[in-house]
PDB file of N, CA and C in Angstrom:
ATOM      1  N   UNK A   1      -4.099   7.232   0.380  1.00  0.00           N
ATOM      2  CA  UNK A   1      -3.388   6.130   0.932  1.00  0.00           C
ATOM      3  C   UNK A   1      -3.345   6.237   2.461  1.00  0.00           C
ATOM      4  N   UNK A   2      -3.774   5.176   3.098  1.00  0.00           N
ATOM      5  CA  UNK A   2      -3.736   5.166   4.597  1.00  0.00           C
ATOM      6  C   UNK A   2      -2.476   4.683   5.082  1.00  0.00           C
ATOM      7  N   UNK A   3      -1.912   5.303   6.156  1.00  0.00           N
ATOM      8  CA  UNK A   3      -0.657   4.855   6.700  1.00  0.00           C
ATOM      9  C   UNK A   3      -0.982   3.949   7.951  1.00  0.00           C
ATOM     10  N   UNK A   4      -0.007   3.184   8.329  1.00  0.00           N
ATOM     11  CA  UNK A   4      -0.008   2.385   9.532  1.00  0.00           C
ATOM     12  C   UNK A   4       1.231   2.480  10.314  1.00  0.00           C
ATOM     13  N   UNK A   5       1.152   2.353  11.611  1.00  0.00           N
ATOM     14  CA  UNK A   5       2.321   2.380  12.451  1.00  0.00           C
ATOM     15  C   UNK A   5       3.212   1.194  12.082  1.00  0.00           C
ATOM     16  N   UNK A   6       4.493   1.450  12.161  1.00  0.00           N
ATOM     17  CA  UNK A   6       5.541   0.409  11.770  1.00  0.00           C
ATOM     18  C   UNK A   6       5.706  -0.457  13.023  1.00  0.00           C
ATOM     19  N   UNK A   7       5.540  -1.721  12.861  1.00  0.00           N
ATOM     20  CA  UNK A   7       5.752  -2.709  14.018  1.00  0.00           C
ATOM     21  C   UNK A   7       7.173  -3.078  14.192  1.00  0.00           C
ATOM     22  N   UNK A   8       7.422  -3.918  15.158  1.00  0.00           N
ATOM     23  CA  UNK A   8       8.732  -4.398  15.479  1.00  0.00           C
ATOM     24  C   UNK A   8       8.977  -5.646  14.644  1.00  0.00           C
ATOM     25  N   UNK A   9      10.231  -6.205  14.670  1.00  0.00           N
ATOM     26  CA  UNK A   9      10.510  -7.415  13.861  1.00  0.00           C
ATOM     27  C   UNK A   9       9.687  -8.584  14.259  1.00  0.00           C
ATOM     28  N   UNK A  10       9.129  -8.632  15.534  1.00  0.00           N
ATOM     29  CA  UNK A  10       8.357  -9.778  15.922  1.00  0.00           C
ATOM     30  C   UNK A  10       6.869  -9.541  15.694  1.00  0.00           C
ATOM     31  N   UNK A  11       6.484  -8.318  15.531  1.00  0.00           N
ATOM     32  CA  UNK A  11       5.025  -7.979  15.248  1.00  0.00           C
ATOM     33  C   UNK A  11       5.133  -6.989  14.091  1.00  0.00           C
ATOM     34  N   UNK A  12       5.293  -7.435  12.904  1.00  0.00           N
ATOM     35  CA  UNK A  12       5.502  -6.547  11.777  1.00  0.00           C
ATOM     36  C   UNK A  12       4.162  -6.021  11.214  1.00  0.00           C
ATOM     37  N   UNK A  13       4.233  -4.923  10.521  1.00  0.00           N
ATOM     38  CA  UNK A  13       3.129  -4.418   9.774  1.00  0.00           C
ATOM     39  C   UNK A  13       3.073  -5.132   8.459  1.00  0.00           C
ATOM     40  N   UNK A  14       1.829  -5.579   8.097  1.00  0.00           N
ATOM     41  CA  UNK A  14       1.582  -6.366   6.893  1.00  0.00           C
ATOM     42  C   UNK A  14       0.921  -5.514   5.879  1.00  0.00           C
ATOM     43  N   UNK A  15       1.459  -5.396   4.660  1.00  0.00           N
ATOM     44  CA  UNK A  15       0.801  -4.782   3.509  1.00  0.00           C
ATOM     45  C   UNK A  15      -0.032  -5.854   2.910  1.00  0.00           C
ATOM     46  N   UNK A  16      -1.346  -5.732   2.990  1.00  0.00           N
ATOM     47  CA  UNK A  16      -2.216  -6.823   2.547  1.00  0.00           C
ATOM     48  C   UNK A  16      -2.378  -6.803   1.045  1.00  0.00           C
ATOM     49  N   UNK A  17      -2.366  -8.036   0.413  1.00  0.00           N
ATOM     50  CA  UNK A  17      -2.675  -8.214  -0.985  1.00  0.00           C
ATOM     51  C   UNK A  17      -3.197  -9.607  -1.038  1.00  0.00           C
ATOM     52  N   UNK A  18      -3.829  -9.918  -2.098  1.00  0.00           N
ATOM     53  CA  UNK A  18      -4.491 -11.141  -2.273  1.00  0.00           C
ATOM     54  C   UNK A  18      -3.612 -12.184  -2.995  1.00  0.00           C
ATOM     55  N   UNK A  19      -3.623 -13.375  -2.434  1.00  0.00           N
ATOM     56  CA  UNK A  19      -2.756 -14.445  -2.942  1.00  0.00           C
ATOM     57  C   UNK A  19      -3.386 -15.786  -2.467  1.00  0.00           C
ATOM     58  N   UNK A  20      -3.084 -16.812  -3.266  1.00  0.00           N
ATOM     59  CA  UNK A  20      -3.563 -18.131  -2.871  1.00  0.00           C
ATOM     60  C   UNK A  20      -2.692 -18.834  -1.992  1.00  0.00           C
ATOM     61  N   UNK A  21      -1.427 -18.159  -1.654  1.00  0.00           N
ATOM     62  CA  UNK A  21      -0.440 -18.775  -0.770  1.00  0.00           C
ATOM     63  C   UNK A  21      -0.704 -18.177   0.606  1.00  0.00           C
ATOM     64  N   UNK A  22      -0.849 -19.030   1.578  1.00  0.00           N
ATOM     65  CA  UNK A  22      -1.102 -18.616   2.976  1.00  0.00           C
ATOM     66  C   UNK A  22       0.105 -17.914   3.498  1.00  0.00           C
ATOM     67  N   UNK A  23      -0.012 -16.868   4.290  1.00  0.00           N
ATOM     68  CA  UNK A  23       1.014 -16.151   4.998  1.00  0.00           C
ATOM     69  C   UNK A  23       2.081 -15.528   4.030  1.00  0.00           C
ATOM     70  N   UNK A  24       1.678 -15.280   2.778  1.00  0.00           N
ATOM     71  CA  UNK A  24       2.575 -14.588   1.853  1.00  0.00           C
ATOM     72  C   UNK A  24       2.281 -13.118   1.932  1.00  0.00           C
ATOM     73  N   UNK A  25       3.333 -12.291   2.085  1.00  0.00           N
ATOM     74  CA  UNK A  25       3.064 -10.858   2.319  1.00  0.00           C
ATOM     75  C   UNK A  25       4.288  -9.979   2.115  1.00  0.00           C
ATOM     76  N   UNK A  26       4.120  -8.726   2.171  1.00  0.00           N
ATOM     77  CA  UNK A  26       5.160  -7.732   2.281  1.00  0.00           C
ATOM     78  C   UNK A  26       5.052  -7.017   3.614  1.00  0.00           C
ATOM     79  N   UNK A  27       6.049  -7.230   4.431  1.00  0.00           N
ATOM     80  CA  UNK A  27       6.032  -6.652   5.742  1.00  0.00           C
ATOM     81  C   UNK A  27       6.978  -5.537   6.091  1.00  0.00           C
ATOM     82  N   UNK A  28       6.751  -4.704   7.024  1.00  0.00           N
ATOM     83  CA  UNK A  28       7.803  -3.718   7.402  1.00  0.00           C
ATOM     84  C   UNK A  28       7.831  -3.712   8.911  1.00  0.00           C
ATOM     85  N   UNK A  29       9.014  -3.278   9.422  1.00  0.00           N
ATOM     86  CA  UNK A  29       9.204  -3.135  10.848  1.00  0.00           C
ATOM     87  C   UNK A  29      10.661  -2.835  11.154  1.00  0.00           C
ATOM     88  N   UNK A  30      10.897  -2.893  12.495  1.00  0.00           N
ATOM     89  CA  UNK A  30      12.240  -2.610  12.962  1.00  0.00           C
ATOM     90  C   UNK A  30      12.934  -3.900  13.400  1.00  0.00           C
ATOM     91  N   UNK A  31      14.174  -4.023  13.364  1.00  0.00           N
ATOM     92  CA  UNK A  31      14.911  -5.225  13.818  1.00  0.00           C
ATOM     93  C   UNK A  31      14.943  -6.300  12.740  1.00  0.00           C
ATOM     94  N   UNK A  32      15.717  -7.348  13.059  1.00  0.00           N
ATOM     95  CA  UNK A  32      15.843  -8.456  12.146  1.00  0.00           C
ATOM     96  C   UNK A  32      14.475  -9.223  12.260  1.00  0.00           C
ATOM     97  N   UNK A  33      13.884  -9.654  11.118  1.00  0.00           N
ATOM     98  CA  UNK A  33      12.597 -10.404  11.134  1.00  0.00           C
ATOM     99  C   UNK A  33      12.855 -11.766  11.818  1.00  0.00           C
ATOM    100  N   UNK A  34      11.901 -12.168  12.659  1.00  0.00           N
ATOM    101  CA  UNK A  34      11.996 -13.429  13.293  1.00  0.00           C
ATOM    102  C   UNK A  34      10.611 -14.145  13.370  1.00  0.00           C
ATOM    103  N   UNK A  35       9.664 -13.614  12.589  1.00  0.00           N
ATOM    104  CA  UNK A  35       8.334 -14.272  12.554  1.00  0.00           C
ATOM    105  C   UNK A  35       8.210 -15.203  11.374  1.00  0.00           C
ATOM    106  N   UNK A  36       7.156 -15.929  11.406  1.00  0.00           N
ATOM    107  CA  UNK A  36       6.971 -17.006  10.385  1.00  0.00           C
ATOM    108  C   UNK A  36       6.068 -16.404   9.329  1.00  0.00           C
ATOM    109  N   UNK A  37       6.484 -16.697   8.057  1.00  0.00           N
ATOM    110  CA  UNK A  37       5.678 -16.369   6.855  1.00  0.00           C
ATOM    111  C   UNK A  37       6.003 -17.297   5.720  1.00  0.00           C
ATOM    112  N   UNK A  38       5.383 -17.134   4.627  1.00  0.00           N
ATOM    113  CA  UNK A  38       5.519 -17.981   3.507  1.00  0.00           C
ATOM    114  C   UNK A  38       6.810 -17.685   2.703  1.00  0.00           C
ATOM    115  N   UNK A  39       7.408 -18.670   2.077  1.00  0.00           N
ATOM    116  CA  UNK A  39       8.532 -18.472   1.193  1.00  0.00           C
ATOM    117  C   UNK A  39       8.221 -17.367   0.177  1.00  0.00           C
ATOM    118  N   UNK A  40       9.075 -16.490  -0.054  1.00  0.00           N
ATOM    119  CA  UNK A  40       8.884 -15.430  -1.054  1.00  0.00           C
ATOM    120  C   UNK A  40       8.330 -14.153  -0.456  1.00  0.00           C
ATOM    121  N   UNK A  41       7.980 -14.161   0.811  1.00  0.00           N
ATOM    122  CA  UNK A  41       7.548 -12.915   1.441  1.00  0.00           C
ATOM    123  C   UNK A  41       8.741 -11.943   1.604  1.00  0.00           C
ATOM    124  N   UNK A  42       8.378 -10.661   1.685  1.00  0.00           N
ATOM    125  CA  UNK A  42       9.469  -9.594   1.752  1.00  0.00           C
ATOM    126  C   UNK A  42       9.309  -8.940   3.087  1.00  0.00           C
ATOM    127  N   UNK A  43      10.365  -8.437   3.649  1.00  0.00           N
ATOM    128  CA  UNK A  43      10.398  -7.705   4.893  1.00  0.00           C
ATOM    129  C   UNK A  43      11.283  -6.468   4.662  1.00  0.00           C
ATOM    130  N   UNK A  44      10.674  -5.261   4.891  1.00  0.00           N
ATOM    131  CA  UNK A  44      11.456  -4.014   4.729  1.00  0.00           C
ATOM    132  C   UNK A  44      11.786  -3.590   6.145  1.00  0.00           C
ATOM    133  N   UNK A  45      13.056  -3.554   6.438  1.00  0.00           N
ATOM    134  CA  UNK A  45      13.610  -3.155   7.766  1.00  0.00           C
ATOM    135  C   UNK A  45      13.849  -1.609   7.752  1.00  0.00           C
ATOM    136  N   UNK A  46      13.068  -0.897   8.468  1.00  0.00           N
ATOM    137  CA  UNK A  46      13.153   0.594   8.411  1.00  0.00           C
ATOM    138  C   UNK A  46      14.271   1.187   9.252  1.00  0.00           C
ATOM    139  N   UNK A  47      14.946   0.435  10.094  1.00  0.00           N
ATOM    140  CA  UNK A  47      15.992   0.899  10.890  1.00  0.00           C
ATOM    141  C   UNK A  47      17.367   0.276  10.564  1.00  0.00           C
ATOM    142  N   UNK A  48      17.480  -0.484   9.463  1.00  0.00           N
ATOM    143  CA  UNK A  48      18.721  -1.097   9.130  1.00  0.00           C
ATOM    144  C   UNK A  48      19.583  -0.311   8.089  1.00  0.00           C
ATOM    145  N   UNK A  49      20.835  -0.698   7.995  1.00  0.00           N
ATOM    146  CA  UNK A  49      21.694  -0.045   7.015  1.00  0.00           C
ATOM    147  C   UNK A  49      21.215  -0.554   5.622  1.00  0.00           C
ATOM    148  N   UNK A  50      21.779   0.065   4.598  1.00  0.00           N
ATOM    149  CA  UNK A  50      21.361  -0.255   3.226  1.00  0.00           C
ATOM    150  C   UNK A  50      21.528  -1.754   2.916  1.00  0.00           C
ATOM    151  N   UNK A  51      22.574  -2.351   3.518  1.00  0.00           N
ATOM    152  CA  UNK A  51      22.900  -3.793   3.274  1.00  0.00           C
ATOM    153  C   UNK A  51      21.887  -4.702   3.959  1.00  0.00           C
ATOM    154  N   UNK A  52      21.115  -4.234   4.945  1.00  0.00           N
ATOM    155  CA  UNK A  52      20.231  -5.049   5.676  1.00  0.00           C
ATOM    156  C   UNK A  52      18.789  -4.393   5.724  1.00  0.00           C
ATOM    157  N   UNK A  53      18.389  -3.715   4.654  1.00  0.00           N
ATOM    158  CA  UNK A  53      17.196  -3.035   4.618  1.00  0.00           C
ATOM    159  C   UNK A  53      16.012  -3.882   4.063  1.00  0.00           C
ATOM    160  N   UNK A  54      16.376  -4.920   3.257  1.00  0.00           N
ATOM    161  CA  UNK A  54      15.400  -5.781   2.676  1.00  0.00           C
ATOM    162  C   UNK A  54      15.748  -7.244   2.930  1.00  0.00           C
ATOM    163  N   UNK A  55      14.714  -7.962   3.297  1.00  0.00           N
ATOM    164  CA  UNK A  55      14.902  -9.421   3.630  1.00  0.00           C
ATOM    165  C   UNK A  55      13.879 -10.288   2.784  1.00  0.00           C
ATOM    166  N   UNK A  56      14.248 -11.432   2.404  1.00  0.00           N
ATOM    167  CA  UNK A  56      13.426 -12.317   1.611  1.00  0.00           C
ATOM    168  C   UNK A  56      13.312 -13.638   2.462  1.00  0.00           C
ATOM    169  N   UNK A  57      12.042 -14.154   2.545  1.00  0.00           N
ATOM    170  CA  UNK A  57      11.904 -15.409   3.315  1.00  0.00           C
ATOM    171  C   UNK A  57      12.201 -16.490   2.430  1.00  0.00           C
ATOM    172  N   UNK A  58      13.204 -17.307   2.743  1.00  0.00           N
ATOM    173  CA  UNK A  58      13.733 -18.347   1.862  1.00  0.00           C
ATOM    174  C   UNK A  58      13.296 -19.794   2.385  1.00  0.00           C
ATOM    175  N   UNK A  59      12.388 -19.741   3.380  1.00  0.00           N
ATOM    176  CA  UNK A  59      12.001 -21.051   3.977  1.00  0.00           C
ATOM    177  C   UNK A  59      11.233 -21.873   2.876  1.00  0.00           C
ATOM    178  N   UNK A  60      11.526 -23.165   2.764  1.00  0.00           N
ATOM    179  CA  UNK A  60      10.783 -24.061   1.861  1.00  0.00           C
ATOM    180  C   UNK A  60       9.310 -24.144   2.218  1.00  0.00           C
ATOM    181  N   UNK A  61       9.035 -24.193   3.542  1.00  0.00           N
ATOM    182  CA  UNK A  61       7.584 -24.146   4.071  1.00  0.00           C
ATOM    183  C   UNK A  61       7.513 -22.833   4.875  1.00  0.00           C
ATOM    184  N   UNK A  62       6.445 -22.490   5.297  1.00  0.00           N
ATOM    185  CA  UNK A  62       6.304 -21.303   6.175  1.00  0.00           C
ATOM    186  C   UNK A  62       7.205 -21.358   7.360  1.00  0.00           C
ATOM    187  N   UNK A  63       8.068 -20.477   7.448  1.00  0.00           N
ATOM    188  CA  UNK A  63       9.065 -20.502   8.540  1.00  0.00           C
ATOM    189  C   UNK A  63       9.773 -19.174   8.744  1.00  0.00           C
ATOM    190  N   UNK A  64      10.866 -19.246   9.498  1.00  0.00           N
ATOM    191  CA  UNK A  64      11.485 -18.020   9.933  1.00  0.00           C
ATOM    192  C   UNK A  64      12.841 -17.864   9.293  1.00  0.00           C
ATOM    193  N   UNK A  65      13.148 -18.433   8.184  1.00  0.00           N
ATOM    194  CA  UNK A  65      14.390 -18.232   7.449  1.00  0.00           C
ATOM    195  C   UNK A  65      14.407 -16.959   6.632  1.00  0.00           C
ATOM    196  N   UNK A  66      14.926 -15.938   7.036  1.00  0.00           N
ATOM    197  CA  UNK A  66      14.992 -14.648   6.397  1.00  0.00           C
ATOM    198  C   UNK A  66      16.424 -14.418   5.887  1.00  0.00           C
ATOM    199  N   UNK A  67      16.551 -14.053   4.670  1.00  0.00           N
ATOM    200  CA  UNK A  67      17.847 -13.792   4.065  1.00  0.00           C
ATOM    201  C   UNK A  67      17.913 -12.280   3.557  1.00  0.00           C
ATOM    202  N   UNK A  68      18.964 -11.584   4.100  1.00  0.00           N
ATOM    203  CA  UNK A  68      19.163 -10.202   3.581  1.00  0.00           C
ATOM    204  C   UNK A  68      19.461 -10.080   2.176  1.00  0.00           C
ATOM    205  N   UNK A  69      18.782  -9.208   1.421  1.00  0.00           N
ATOM    206  CA  UNK A  69      18.986  -9.060   0.033  1.00  0.00           C
ATOM    207  C   UNK A  69      20.111  -7.969  -0.115  1.00  0.00           C
ATOM    208  N   UNK A  70      21.207  -8.473  -0.696  1.00  0.00           N
ATOM    209  CA  UNK A  70      22.336  -7.454  -0.790  1.00  0.00           C
ATOM    210  C   UNK A  70      22.725  -7.194  -2.275  1.00  0.00           C
TER     211      UNK A  70
END
């Protein structure tokens, strides 16, 4: 398994997988996510507390609405 440097909230690291939905992915980084991606994308925050360690993109269209999963 190859590792990658963890990006910031504005330039996240993307775990690539194949999907027919554009910009759908699993991302990781530091800080609150503020980048655009498809609804259903996940963001793993590596510097957050347990209550803010995972975010789900809840935008109806590709957007920047990220909701912490608690």
